Amino acid sequence: MSEGALDSLTDFLIQIPAIEPGIDRGTAPDGLWWVKFSIDIHHPLAWQVVQELGHVVNYLSVNERLPTTFYPVSPPPYLNGGPAECLAWVIEAKQSGFAPATLKQWLEGRLPRPVNDLSQWATEEEDED
């Protein structure tokens, strides 16, 4: 798989609120791939974005999970600074042949629409105010 196969997924991810520009990505000869990005932890929707991505990527269905994982990564905080500066997030394919475009389709079908419309990300907590 070429890194160009990740273009559609990274173009979609950058539209999600709180995800910062500069998505890193890579592929392996065995067909696996990964994307790494930062989330602005001061954005009001940051933790909702983490929750939504965690749900779709890691735990969409108890019986039929996607062959992907979403998790945080960080260099040693005592050497590099806090989460606003150094915390990053990775989405990684765990099965060769699972295309980035397929994950994009699952995200498009499960995340608020349109994904870049902040009003579509309203939470129940906000609605109660």
Protein backbone atom coordinates (compact mmCIF):
# COMPACT_ATOMS: atom_id res chain seq x y z
CA MET A 1 0.00 0.00 0.00
CA SER A 2 1.24 3.47 -0.80
CA GLU A 3 1.12 6.40 1.58
CA GLY A 4 -1.16 8.03 -1.01
CA ALA A 5 -3.83 5.55 0.06
CA LEU A 6 -3.96 7.46 3.36
CA ASP A 7 -4.81 10.81 1.72
CA SER A 8 -8.58 10.41 1.91
CA LEU A 9 -8.49 9.38 5.58
CA THR A 10 -6.13 12.18 6.63
CA ASP A 11 -8.15 14.73 4.63
CA PHE A 12 -11.23 13.61 6.56
CA LEU A 13 -9.53 13.57 9.97
CA ILE A 14 -8.27 17.15 9.61
CA GLN A 15 -11.90 18.30 9.30
CA ILE A 16 -12.78 16.93 12.74
CA PRO A 17 -12.95 19.67 15.40
CA ALA A 18 -9.90 19.88 17.69
CA ILE A 19 -7.67 17.78 15.41
CA GLU A 20 -4.67 19.92 14.58
CA PRO A 21 -3.00 20.23 11.16
CA GLY A 22 0.09 18.16 10.52
CA ILE A 23 -1.07 14.55 10.51
CA ASP A 24 1.83 12.13 10.29
CA ARG A 25 1.29 8.74 8.64
CA GLY A 26 3.00 5.66 7.45
CA THR A 27 2.65 2.27 5.84
CA ALA A 28 4.42 -1.04 6.22
CA PRO A 29 5.27 -3.59 3.51
CA ASP A 30 2.80 -6.04 5.05
CA GLY A 31 -0.13 -3.72 4.25
CA LEU A 32 -0.55 -2.24 7.71
CA TRP A 33 -0.80 1.54 8.15
CA TRP A 34 -1.01 4.22 10.84
CA VAL A 35 -1.83 7.89 11.30
CA LYS A 36 -0.60 10.09 14.17
CA PHE A 37 -2.05 13.46 15.09
CA SER A 38 -2.50 15.98 17.87
CA ILE A 39 -5.75 17.07 19.45
CA ASP A 40 -6.02 20.58 20.88
CA ILE A 41 -6.85 19.64 24.46
CA HIS A 42 -8.11 23.16 25.14
CA HIS A 43 -10.75 22.92 22.41
CA PRO A 44 -14.23 22.58 23.97
CA LEU A 45 -14.92 19.43 21.92
CA ALA A 46 -11.54 17.74 22.47
CA TRP A 47 -12.71 15.01 24.81
CA GLN A 48 -15.87 14.39 22.83
CA VAL A 49 -13.68 13.86 19.75
CA VAL A 50 -11.53 11.40 21.72
CA GLN A 51 -14.65 9.57 22.90
CA GLU A 52 -16.19 9.41 19.41
CA LEU A 53 -12.98 8.18 17.78
CA GLY A 54 -12.44 5.67 20.58
CA HIS A 55 -15.95 4.31 20.06
CA VAL A 56 -15.77 3.92 16.28
CA VAL A 57 -12.14 2.85 15.95
CA ASN A 58 -11.84 0.60 19.03
CA TYR A 59 -15.29 -0.53 20.05
CA LEU A 60 -17.89 -0.04 17.36
CA SER A 61 -19.55 -3.37 18.09
CA VAL A 62 -18.93 -5.99 20.76
CA ASN A 63 -19.24 -8.75 18.15
CA GLU A 64 -17.66 -7.13 15.11
CA ARG A 65 -14.83 -4.77 15.97
CA LEU A 66 -12.89 -2.99 13.30
CA PRO A 67 -9.29 -4.20 12.91
CA THR A 68 -7.99 -0.86 14.16
CA THR A 69 -6.90 0.76 17.41
CA PHE A 70 -6.90 4.36 18.63
CA TYR A 71 -4.62 5.27 21.50
CA PRO A 72 -2.50 8.06 23.01
CA VAL A 73 1.30 8.18 22.73
CA SER A 74 3.80 10.47 24.43
CA PRO A 75 7.50 10.93 24.91
CA PRO A 76 8.59 11.08 28.58
CA PRO A 77 6.61 14.01 30.05
CA TYR A 78 9.37 14.82 32.55
CA LEU A 79 11.69 15.60 29.62
CA ASN A 80 9.35 17.15 27.08
CA GLY A 81 6.43 19.02 28.63
CA GLY A 82 2.78 18.39 29.28
CA PRO A 83 -0.08 17.05 27.18
CA ALA A 84 -0.77 20.33 25.39
CA GLU A 85 2.71 20.10 23.87
CA CYS A 86 3.54 16.41 23.57
CA LEU A 87 0.47 14.17 23.72
CA ALA A 88 -0.35 12.61 20.35
CA TRP A 89 -2.94 10.10 19.17
CA VAL A 90 -2.51 7.14 16.83
CA ILE A 91 -4.94 5.17 14.72
CA GLU A 92 -3.39 1.95 13.57
CA ALA A 93 -4.57 -0.88 11.32
CA LYS A 94 -4.15 -4.32 12.87
CA GLN A 95 -5.06 -6.35 9.79
CA SER A 96 -3.39 -6.13 6.39
CA GLY A 97 -5.91 -5.45 3.70
CA PHE A 98 -8.04 -3.15 5.88
CA ALA A 99 -7.95 0.01 3.80
CA PRO A 100 -7.78 3.53 5.24
CA ALA A 101 -10.70 4.40 2.95
CA THR A 102 -12.79 1.75 4.71
CA LEU A 103 -12.12 3.34 8.10
CA LYS A 104 -13.01 6.72 6.61
CA GLN A 105 -16.37 5.30 5.51
CA TRP A 106 -17.06 3.97 9.02
CA LEU A 107 -16.15 7.32 10.55
CA GLU A 108 -18.29 9.24 8.06
CA GLY A 109 -21.23 7.01 8.90
CA ARG A 110 -20.88 7.33 12.68
CA LEU A 111 -19.50 10.81 13.45
CA PRO A 112 -21.66 13.96 13.38
CA ARG A 113 -22.50 15.26 9.90
CA PRO A 114 -21.05 17.31 8.48
CA VAL A 115 -18.03 16.47 10.59
CA ASN A 116 -16.65 20.02 10.52
CA ASP A 117 -19.93 21.65 11.68
CA LEU A 118 -19.40 22.42 15.38
CA SER A 119 -23.14 22.65 16.01
CA GLN A 120 -23.53 18.99 15.03
CA TRP A 121 -21.19 18.03 17.86
CA ALA A 122 -23.51 19.42 20.55
CA THR A 123 -23.54 17.20 23.61
CA GLU A 124 -26.49 16.35 25.84
CA GLU A 125 -24.76 18.27 28.63
CA GLU A 126 -24.73 21.41 26.48
CA ASP A 127 -28.37 20.84 25.49
CA GLU A 128 -29.40 20.79 29.17
CA ASP A 129 -28.03 24.30 29.80
